């Protein structure tokens, strides 16, 4: 389910809408990095393309993170088996 969330970024209230699954991933990512959820959202907001809205930027951030995590390690591919 998509839910609208409100957050304060740099002293201004803003909102974004993401599915619960994306929200859970974002919260886990913040915890894994040892930063607050708000700090992660602010980081994505600061680094997003100006044409992308915050909701889309958050989804793309999660997608990029999961793709990177799923990619085979290049150093493993260069090792010979056995």
C-alpha atoms as a PDB file:
ATOM      1  CA  UNK A   1       0.000   0.000   0.000  1.00  0.00           C
ATOM      2  CA  UNK A   2       1.254   3.480  -0.855  1.00  0.00           C
ATOM      3  CA  UNK A   3       1.217   5.867   2.070  1.00  0.00           C
ATOM      4  CA  UNK A   4       1.986   9.549   2.277  1.00  0.00           C
ATOM      5  CA  UNK A   5       4.692  10.401   4.819  1.00  0.00           C
ATOM      6  CA  UNK A   6       5.728  13.790   6.142  1.00  0.00           C
ATOM      7  CA  UNK A   7       9.232  14.725   7.200  1.00  0.00           C
ATOM      8  CA  UNK A   8      11.203  17.860   7.993  1.00  0.00           C
ATOM      9  CA  UNK A   9      14.206  18.447   5.730  1.00  0.00           C
ATOM     10  CA  UNK A  10      16.451  21.427   6.367  1.00  0.00           C
ATOM     11  CA  UNK A  11      13.751  23.055   8.479  1.00  0.00           C
ATOM     12  CA  UNK A  12      10.937  22.655   5.932  1.00  0.00           C
ATOM     13  CA  UNK A  13       8.121  20.126   5.986  1.00  0.00           C
ATOM     14  CA  UNK A  14       7.815  17.984   2.896  1.00  0.00           C
ATOM     15  CA  UNK A  15       6.059  14.773   2.056  1.00  0.00           C
ATOM     16  CA  UNK A  16       6.645  11.701  -0.042  1.00  0.00           C
ATOM     17  CA  UNK A  17       4.577   8.669  -0.944  1.00  0.00           C
ATOM     18  CA  UNK A  18       6.115   5.206  -1.168  1.00  0.00           C
ATOM     19  CA  UNK A  19       4.932   1.658  -0.762  1.00  0.00           C
ATOM     20  CA  UNK A  20       5.391   0.056   2.655  1.00  0.00           C
ATOM     21  CA  UNK A  21       8.065  -2.258   1.247  1.00  0.00           C
ATOM     22  CA  UNK A  22      10.184   0.677   0.065  1.00  0.00           C
ATOM     23  CA  UNK A  23       9.756   2.384   3.417  1.00  0.00           C
ATOM     24  CA  UNK A  24      10.943  -0.754   5.226  1.00  0.00           C
ATOM     25  CA  UNK A  25      14.032  -0.968   2.972  1.00  0.00           C
ATOM     26  CA  UNK A  26      14.848   2.697   3.551  1.00  0.00           C
ATOM     27  CA  UNK A  27      14.564   2.234   7.316  1.00  0.00           C
ATOM     28  CA  UNK A  28      16.833  -0.845   7.182  1.00  0.00           C
ATOM     29  CA  UNK A  29      19.346   1.032   5.046  1.00  0.00           C
ATOM     30  CA  UNK A  30      19.476   3.905   7.532  1.00  0.00           C
ATOM     31  CA  UNK A  31      19.945   1.483  10.426  1.00  0.00           C
ATOM     32  CA  UNK A  32      22.689  -0.425   8.592  1.00  0.00           C
ATOM     33  CA  UNK A  33      24.535   2.840   7.926  1.00  0.00           C
ATOM     34  CA  UNK A  34      24.087   4.036  11.502  1.00  0.00           C
ATOM     35  CA  UNK A  35      22.226   7.189  10.501  1.00  0.00           C
ATOM     36  CA  UNK A  36      18.730   8.411  11.222  1.00  0.00           C
ATOM     37  CA  UNK A  37      15.900   7.810   8.791  1.00  0.00           C
ATOM     38  CA  UNK A  38      15.583  11.587   8.342  1.00  0.00           C
ATOM     39  CA  UNK A  39      19.297  11.859   7.521  1.00  0.00           C
ATOM     40  CA  UNK A  40      18.968   9.199   4.819  1.00  0.00           C
ATOM     41  CA  UNK A  41      15.954  10.932   3.289  1.00  0.00           C
ATOM     42  CA  UNK A  42      17.805  14.274   3.372  1.00  0.00           C
ATOM     43  CA  UNK A  43      20.811  12.683   1.638  1.00  0.00           C
ATOM     44  CA  UNK A  44      18.628  11.299  -1.146  1.00  0.00           C
ATOM     45  CA  UNK A  45      16.868  14.653  -1.457  1.00  0.00           C
ATOM     46  CA  UNK A  46      20.172  16.542  -1.761  1.00  0.00           C
ATOM     47  CA  UNK A  47      21.540  14.169  -4.407  1.00  0.00           C
ATOM     48  CA  UNK A  48      18.481  13.660  -6.570  1.00  0.00           C
ATOM     49  CA  UNK A  49      18.122  14.941 -10.075  1.00  0.00           C
ATOM     50  CA  UNK A  50      16.142  18.142 -10.057  1.00  0.00           C
ATOM     51  CA  UNK A  51      13.551  16.656 -12.402  1.00  0.00           C
ATOM     52  CA  UNK A  52      12.766  13.693 -10.143  1.00  0.00           C
ATOM     53  CA  UNK A  53      10.314  14.101  -7.307  1.00  0.00           C
ATOM     54  CA  UNK A  54      11.343  12.874  -3.863  1.00  0.00           C
ATOM     55  CA  UNK A  55       9.105   9.795  -3.974  1.00  0.00           C
ATOM     56  CA  UNK A  56      10.640   8.640  -7.256  1.00  0.00           C
ATOM     57  CA  UNK A  57      14.153   9.451  -6.050  1.00  0.00           C
ATOM     58  CA  UNK A  58      13.624   7.292  -2.948  1.00  0.00           C
ATOM     59  CA  UNK A  59      12.411   4.333  -5.006  1.00  0.00           C
ATOM     60  CA  UNK A  60      15.362   4.656  -7.394  1.00  0.00           C
ATOM     61  CA  UNK A  61      17.765   4.870  -4.439  1.00  0.00           C
ATOM     62  CA  UNK A  62      16.436   1.590  -3.030  1.00  0.00           C
ATOM     63  CA  UNK A  63      16.572  -0.036  -6.468  1.00  0.00           C
ATOM     64  CA  UNK A  64      20.200   1.017  -6.998  1.00  0.00           C
ATOM     65  CA  UNK A  65      21.159  -0.230  -3.529  1.00  0.00           C
ATOM     66  CA  UNK A  66      19.524  -3.629  -4.062  1.00  0.00           C
ATOM     67  CA  UNK A  67      21.013  -4.009  -7.552  1.00  0.00           C
ATOM     68  CA  UNK A  68      24.466  -3.277  -6.190  1.00  0.00           C
ATOM     69  CA  UNK A  69      23.968  -5.766  -3.359  1.00  0.00           C
ATOM     70  CA  UNK A  70      22.826  -8.441  -5.825  1.00  0.00           C
ATOM     71  CA  UNK A  71      25.678  -7.904  -8.307  1.00  0.00           C
ATOM     72  CA  UNK A  72      28.377 -10.553  -8.237  1.00  0.00           C
ATOM     73  CA  UNK A  73      31.649  -9.357  -6.764  1.00  0.00           C
ATOM     74  CA  UNK A  74      34.081  -8.710  -9.614  1.00  0.00           C
ATOM     75  CA  UNK A  75      37.001  -9.993  -7.531  1.00  0.00           C
ATOM     76  CA  UNK A  76      35.245 -13.369  -7.096  1.00  0.00           C
ATOM     77  CA  UNK A  77      34.850 -13.755 -10.867  1.00  0.00           C
ATOM     78  CA  UNK A  78      38.603 -13.445 -11.415  1.00  0.00           C
ATOM     79  CA  UNK A  79      39.441 -16.299  -9.045  1.00  0.00           C
ATOM     80  CA  UNK A  80      39.774 -19.764 -10.473  1.00  0.00           C
ATOM     81  CA  UNK A  81      37.854 -22.561  -8.759  1.00  0.00           C
ATOM     82  CA  UNK A  82      39.554 -25.145  -6.643  1.00  0.00           C
END
